[in-house]
C-alpha atoms as a PDB file:
ATOM      1  CA  UNK A   1      34.556  68.998 -26.207  1.00  0.00           C
ATOM      2  CA  UNK A   2      36.264  65.600 -25.802  1.00  0.00           C
ATOM      3  CA  UNK A   3      34.135  62.537 -26.345  1.00  0.00           C
ATOM      4  CA  UNK A   4      33.696  59.934 -23.608  1.00  0.00           C
ATOM      5  CA  UNK A   5      35.890  57.382 -25.431  1.00  0.00           C
ATOM      6  CA  UNK A   6      38.796  59.837 -25.488  1.00  0.00           C
ATOM      7  CA  UNK A   7      38.342  60.670 -21.794  1.00  0.00           C
ATOM      8  CA  UNK A   8      38.188  56.962 -20.926  1.00  0.00           C
ATOM      9  CA  UNK A   9      41.369  56.274 -22.937  1.00  0.00           C
ATOM     10  CA  UNK A  10      43.205  59.063 -21.118  1.00  0.00           C
ATOM     11  CA  UNK A  11      42.043  57.737 -17.757  1.00  0.00           C
ATOM     12  CA  UNK A  12      43.420  54.271 -18.542  1.00  0.00           C
ATOM     13  CA  UNK A  13      46.656  55.496 -20.123  1.00  0.00           C
ATOM     14  CA  UNK A  14      49.873  54.444 -18.381  1.00  0.00           C
ATOM     15  CA  UNK A  15      51.813  56.997 -16.406  1.00  0.00           C
ATOM     16  CA  UNK A  16      54.154  59.135 -18.420  1.00  0.00           C
ATOM     17  CA  UNK A  17      55.674  61.188 -15.625  1.00  0.00           C
ATOM     18  CA  UNK A  18      58.682  63.029 -17.032  1.00  0.00           C
ATOM     19  CA  UNK A  19      61.898  61.819 -15.455  1.00  0.00           C
ATOM     20  CA  UNK A  20      65.592  62.045 -16.211  1.00  0.00           C
ATOM     21  CA  UNK A  21      66.148  58.643 -14.598  1.00  0.00           C
ATOM     22  CA  UNK A  22      66.425  55.603 -16.842  1.00  0.00           C
ATOM     23  CA  UNK A  23      62.954  53.963 -16.990  1.00  0.00           C
ATOM     24  CA  UNK A  24      64.160  50.575 -15.721  1.00  0.00           C
ATOM     25  CA  UNK A  25      66.188  52.193 -12.945  1.00  0.00           C
ATOM     26  CA  UNK A  26      63.156  54.296 -11.979  1.00  0.00           C
ATOM     27  CA  UNK A  27      61.061  51.128 -11.857  1.00  0.00           C
ATOM     28  CA  UNK A  28      63.651  49.428  -9.639  1.00  0.00           C
ATOM     29  CA  UNK A  29      63.930  52.426  -7.307  1.00  0.00           C
ATOM     30  CA  UNK A  30      60.134  52.766  -7.130  1.00  0.00           C
ATOM     31  CA  UNK A  31      59.803  49.094  -6.216  1.00  0.00           C
ATOM     32  CA  UNK A  32      62.456  49.399  -3.518  1.00  0.00           C
ATOM     33  CA  UNK A  33      60.821  52.552  -2.163  1.00  0.00           C
ATOM     34  CA  UNK A  34      57.421  50.858  -2.031  1.00  0.00           C
ATOM     35  CA  UNK A  35      58.877  48.005   0.024  1.00  0.00           C
ATOM     36  CA  UNK A  36      60.523  50.604   2.254  1.00  0.00           C
ATOM     37  CA  UNK A  37      57.216  52.462   2.564  1.00  0.00           C
ATOM     38  CA  UNK A  38      55.484  49.251   3.637  1.00  0.00           C
ATOM     39  CA  UNK A  39      58.179  48.721   6.261  1.00  0.00           C
ATOM     40  CA  UNK A  40      57.818  52.288   7.496  1.00  0.00           C
ATOM     41  CA  UNK A  41      54.039  51.929   7.850  1.00  0.00           C
ATOM     42  CA  UNK A  42      54.490  48.593   9.650  1.00  0.00           C
ATOM     43  CA  UNK A  43      57.114  50.077  11.980  1.00  0.00           C
ATOM     44  CA  UNK A  44      54.890  53.089  12.629  1.00  0.00           C
ATOM     45  CA  UNK A  45      51.970  50.890  13.642  1.00  0.00           C
ATOM     46  CA  UNK A  46      54.188  48.621  15.739  1.00  0.00           C
ATOM     47  CA  UNK A  47      55.634  51.655  17.512  1.00  0.00           C
ATOM     48  CA  UNK A  48      52.128  52.995  18.179  1.00  0.00           C
ATOM     49  CA  UNK A  49      51.040  49.534  19.390  1.00  0.00           C
ATOM     50  CA  UNK A  50      53.866  49.494  21.910  1.00  0.00           C
ATOM     51  CA  UNK A  51      53.143  53.132  22.821  1.00  0.00           C
ATOM     52  CA  UNK A  52      49.486  52.264  23.533  1.00  0.00           C
ATOM     53  CA  UNK A  53      50.350  49.118  25.506  1.00  0.00           C
ATOM     54  CA  UNK A  54      53.337  50.378  27.459  1.00  0.00           C
ATOM     55  CA  UNK A  55      53.294  49.743  31.204  1.00  0.00           C
ATOM     56  CA  UNK A  56      55.653  49.665  34.126  1.00  0.00           C
ATOM     57  CA  UNK A  57      57.659  52.022  36.299  1.00  0.00           C
ATOM     58  CA  UNK A  58      58.949  54.103  33.352  1.00  0.00           C
ATOM     59  CA  UNK A  59      55.563  54.273  31.641  1.00  0.00           C
ATOM     60  CA  UNK A  60      55.458  58.030  31.115  1.00  0.00           C
ATOM     61  CA  UNK A  61      58.967  58.338  29.704  1.00  0.00           C
ATOM     62  CA  UNK A  62      58.639  55.324  27.399  1.00  0.00           C
ATOM     63  CA  UNK A  63      55.108  56.266  26.343  1.00  0.00           C
ATOM     64  CA  UNK A  64      56.290  59.732  25.315  1.00  0.00           C
ATOM     65  CA  UNK A  65      59.460  58.397  23.667  1.00  0.00           C
ATOM     66  CA  UNK A  66      57.501  55.979  21.497  1.00  0.00           C
ATOM     67  CA  UNK A  67      54.960  58.646  20.593  1.00  0.00           C
ATOM     68  CA  UNK A  68      57.812  60.867  19.430  1.00  0.00           C
ATOM     69  CA  UNK A  69      59.351  57.997  17.456  1.00  0.00           C
ATOM     70  CA  UNK A  70      56.027  57.119  15.852  1.00  0.00           C
ATOM     71  CA  UNK A  71      55.476  60.723  14.767  1.00  0.00           C
ATOM     72  CA  UNK A  72      58.943  60.815  13.236  1.00  0.00           C
ATOM     73  CA  UNK A  73      58.415  57.528  11.410  1.00  0.00           C
ATOM     74  CA  UNK A  74      54.995  58.537  10.094  1.00  0.00           C
ATOM     75  CA  UNK A  75      56.346  61.893   8.909  1.00  0.00           C
ATOM     76  CA  UNK A  76      58.425  60.261   6.163  1.00  0.00           C
ATOM     77  CA  UNK A  77      55.603  58.202   4.628  1.00  0.00           C
ATOM     78  CA  UNK A  78      54.331  60.974   2.385  1.00  0.00           C
ATOM     79  CA  UNK A  79      57.847  61.864   1.231  1.00  0.00           C
ATOM     80  CA  UNK A  80      58.522  58.249   0.261  1.00  0.00           C
ATOM     81  CA  UNK A  81      55.241  57.868  -1.618  1.00  0.00           C
ATOM     82  CA  UNK A  82      55.608  61.194  -3.393  1.00  0.00           C
ATOM     83  CA  UNK A  83      59.162  60.320  -4.409  1.00  0.00           C
ATOM     84  CA  UNK A  84      57.831  57.142  -6.042  1.00  0.00           C
ATOM     85  CA  UNK A  85      55.312  59.231  -7.975  1.00  0.00           C
ATOM     86  CA  UNK A  86      57.896  61.854  -8.952  1.00  0.00           C
ATOM     87  CA  UNK A  87      60.032  59.236 -10.686  1.00  0.00           C
ATOM     88  CA  UNK A  88      57.042  57.801 -12.532  1.00  0.00           C
ATOM     89  CA  UNK A  89      55.952  54.921 -10.327  1.00  0.00           C
ATOM     90  CA  UNK A  90      52.787  54.049  -8.530  1.00  0.00           C
ATOM     91  CA  UNK A  91      52.792  53.444  -4.840  1.00  0.00           C
ATOM     92  CA  UNK A  92      50.995  51.265  -2.335  1.00  0.00           C
ATOM     93  CA  UNK A  93      47.215  51.307  -2.414  1.00  0.00           C
ATOM     94  CA  UNK A  94      46.023  49.539   0.723  1.00  0.00           C
ATOM     95  CA  UNK A  95      46.742  47.860   4.038  1.00  0.00           C
ATOM     96  CA  UNK A  96      46.742  44.549   2.154  1.00  0.00           C
ATOM     97  CA  UNK A  97      49.413  45.878  -0.190  1.00  0.00           C
ATOM     98  CA  UNK A  98      51.483  46.949   2.807  1.00  0.00           C
ATOM     99  CA  UNK A  99      51.083  43.478   4.346  1.00  0.00           C
ATOM    100  CA  UNK A 100      52.339  41.842   1.153  1.00  0.00           C
ATOM    101  CA  UNK A 101      55.448  44.041   0.978  1.00  0.00           C
ATOM    102  CA  UNK A 102      56.424  44.600   4.622  1.00  0.00           C
ATOM    103  CA  UNK A 103      59.466  42.943   6.103  1.00  0.00           C
ATOM    104  CA  UNK A 104      58.976  44.338   9.616  1.00  0.00           C
ATOM    105  CA  UNK A 105      57.342  41.595  11.653  1.00  0.00           C
ATOM    106  CA  UNK A 106      54.160  42.376  13.532  1.00  0.00           C
ATOM    107  CA  UNK A 107      53.855  41.760  17.251  1.00  0.00           C
ATOM    108  CA  UNK A 108      50.293  40.845  18.194  1.00  0.00           C
ATOM    109  CA  UNK A 109      51.116  39.541  21.669  1.00  0.00           C
ATOM    110  CA  UNK A 110      48.675  40.466  24.419  1.00  0.00           C
ATOM    111  CA  UNK A 111      51.543  41.539  26.665  1.00  0.00           C
ATOM    112  CA  UNK A 112      55.116  42.528  25.914  1.00  0.00           C
ATOM    113  CA  UNK A 113      57.509  43.650  28.633  1.00  0.00           C
ATOM    114  CA  UNK A 114      58.627  47.275  28.251  1.00  0.00           C
ATOM    115  CA  UNK A 115      62.304  46.344  27.831  1.00  0.00           C
ATOM    116  CA  UNK A 116      61.371  43.817  25.145  1.00  0.00           C
ATOM    117  CA  UNK A 117      59.289  46.416  23.324  1.00  0.00           C
ATOM    118  CA  UNK A 118      62.184  48.858  23.235  1.00  0.00           C
ATOM    119  CA  UNK A 119      64.685  46.185  22.181  1.00  0.00           C
ATOM    120  CA  UNK A 120      62.412  44.909  19.435  1.00  0.00           C
ATOM    121  CA  UNK A 121      61.901  48.406  18.042  1.00  0.00           C
ATOM    122  CA  UNK A 122      65.669  49.024  18.190  1.00  0.00           C
ATOM    123  CA  UNK A 123      66.286  45.893  16.101  1.00  0.00           C
ATOM    124  CA  UNK A 124      63.525  46.879  13.669  1.00  0.00           C
ATOM    125  CA  UNK A 125      65.077  50.327  13.248  1.00  0.00           C
ATOM    126  CA  UNK A 126      68.502  48.737  12.684  1.00  0.00           C
ATOM    127  CA  UNK A 127      67.025  46.529   9.958  1.00  0.00           C
ATOM    128  CA  UNK A 128      65.298  49.561   8.456  1.00  0.00           C
ATOM    129  CA  UNK A 129      68.637  51.389   8.261  1.00  0.00           C
ATOM    130  CA  UNK A 130      70.152  48.439   6.377  1.00  0.00           C
ATOM    131  CA  UNK A 131      67.242  48.465   3.930  1.00  0.00           C
ATOM    132  CA  UNK A 132      67.553  52.226   3.474  1.00  0.00           C
ATOM    133  CA  UNK A 133      71.264  51.813   2.730  1.00  0.00           C
ATOM    134  CA  UNK A 134      70.416  49.205   0.090  1.00  0.00           C
ATOM    135  CA  UNK A 135      67.914  51.585  -1.537  1.00  0.00           C
ATOM    136  CA  UNK A 136      70.535  54.345  -1.349  1.00  0.00           C
ATOM    137  CA  UNK A 137      72.978  52.147  -3.295  1.00  0.00           C
ATOM    138  CA  UNK A 138      70.292  51.493  -5.881  1.00  0.00           C
ATOM    139  CA  UNK A 139      69.710  55.250  -6.156  1.00  0.00           C
ATOM    140  CA  UNK A 140      73.443  55.887  -6.537  1.00  0.00           C
ATOM    141  CA  UNK A 141      73.566  53.395  -9.404  1.00  0.00           C
ATOM    142  CA  UNK A 142      70.528  55.059 -11.015  1.00  0.00           C
ATOM    143  CA  UNK A 143      71.876  58.581 -10.578  1.00  0.00           C
ATOM    144  CA  UNK A 144      68.846  59.426  -8.430  1.00  0.00           C
ATOM    145  CA  UNK A 145      70.526  61.961  -6.167  1.00  0.00           C
ATOM    146  CA  UNK A 146      67.262  63.424  -4.867  1.00  0.00           C
ATOM    147  CA  UNK A 147      66.062  60.109  -3.420  1.00  0.00           C
ATOM    148  CA  UNK A 148      69.547  59.345  -2.120  1.00  0.00           C
ATOM    149  CA  UNK A 149      69.595  62.690  -0.325  1.00  0.00           C
ATOM    150  CA  UNK A 150      66.254  62.003   1.351  1.00  0.00           C
ATOM    151  CA  UNK A 151      67.452  58.564   2.404  1.00  0.00           C
ATOM    152  CA  UNK A 152      70.512  60.067   4.071  1.00  0.00           C
ATOM    153  CA  UNK A 153      68.271  62.150   6.327  1.00  0.00           C
ATOM    154  CA  UNK A 154      65.966  59.210   7.079  1.00  0.00           C
ATOM    155  CA  UNK A 155      68.969  57.032   7.941  1.00  0.00           C
ATOM    156  CA  UNK A 156      70.191  59.698  10.341  1.00  0.00           C
ATOM    157  CA  UNK A 157      66.749  59.879  11.992  1.00  0.00           C
ATOM    158  CA  UNK A 158      66.590  56.088  12.349  1.00  0.00           C
ATOM    159  CA  UNK A 159      70.094  55.994  13.811  1.00  0.00           C
ATOM    160  CA  UNK A 160      69.001  58.534  16.397  1.00  0.00           C
ATOM    161  CA  UNK A 161      66.018  56.337  17.307  1.00  0.00           C
ATOM    162  CA  UNK A 162      68.370  53.349  17.605  1.00  0.00           C
ATOM    163  CA  UNK A 163      70.656  55.346  19.896  1.00  0.00           C
ATOM    164  CA  UNK A 164      67.767  56.454  22.134  1.00  0.00           C
ATOM    165  CA  UNK A 165      66.334  52.936  22.310  1.00  0.00           C
ATOM    166  CA  UNK A 166      69.773  51.502  23.087  1.00  0.00           C
ATOM    167  CA  UNK A 167      70.502  54.012  25.844  1.00  0.00           C
ATOM    168  CA  UNK A 168      67.017  53.557  27.299  1.00  0.00           C
ATOM    169  CA  UNK A 169      67.488  49.797  27.652  1.00  0.00           C
ATOM    170  CA  UNK A 170      70.973  49.880  29.187  1.00  0.00           C
ATOM    171  CA  UNK A 171      71.016  48.361  32.673  1.00  0.00           C
END
């Protein structure tokens, strides 16, 4: 039976997740993925905020569109976090941690016009695609093909959201 000192030492031991990725590259990719995860959570909440506060003549269509987008955005959070863990990193721990890492700006306005909501989300998704491409390049350099492959699908999803938001806001 292990003694309590041994158990305590194991609990405090650093991660030693087996990985074929260079340790420094894995650290860099994990850091980039955590920043991306913070952005995804921030974009999810912003999308839900706009979904909840949508109004106007196209309320139903926009409300449903943003709900669909929010579900899609939220669906990748677990994959991002688990990818960080698979390569030996630790991931975000709290809302405060998200706030420190996020690059998506919050919108706490009491009222935002529907067209402005959709345009703002389109620009946020465009910025997210650029950040995902940067992480993809980092993964390519690290030989992390699994993360790069996931990013390719997430980029495609974000580009589809951009397309829908663009077409929705055309006069």
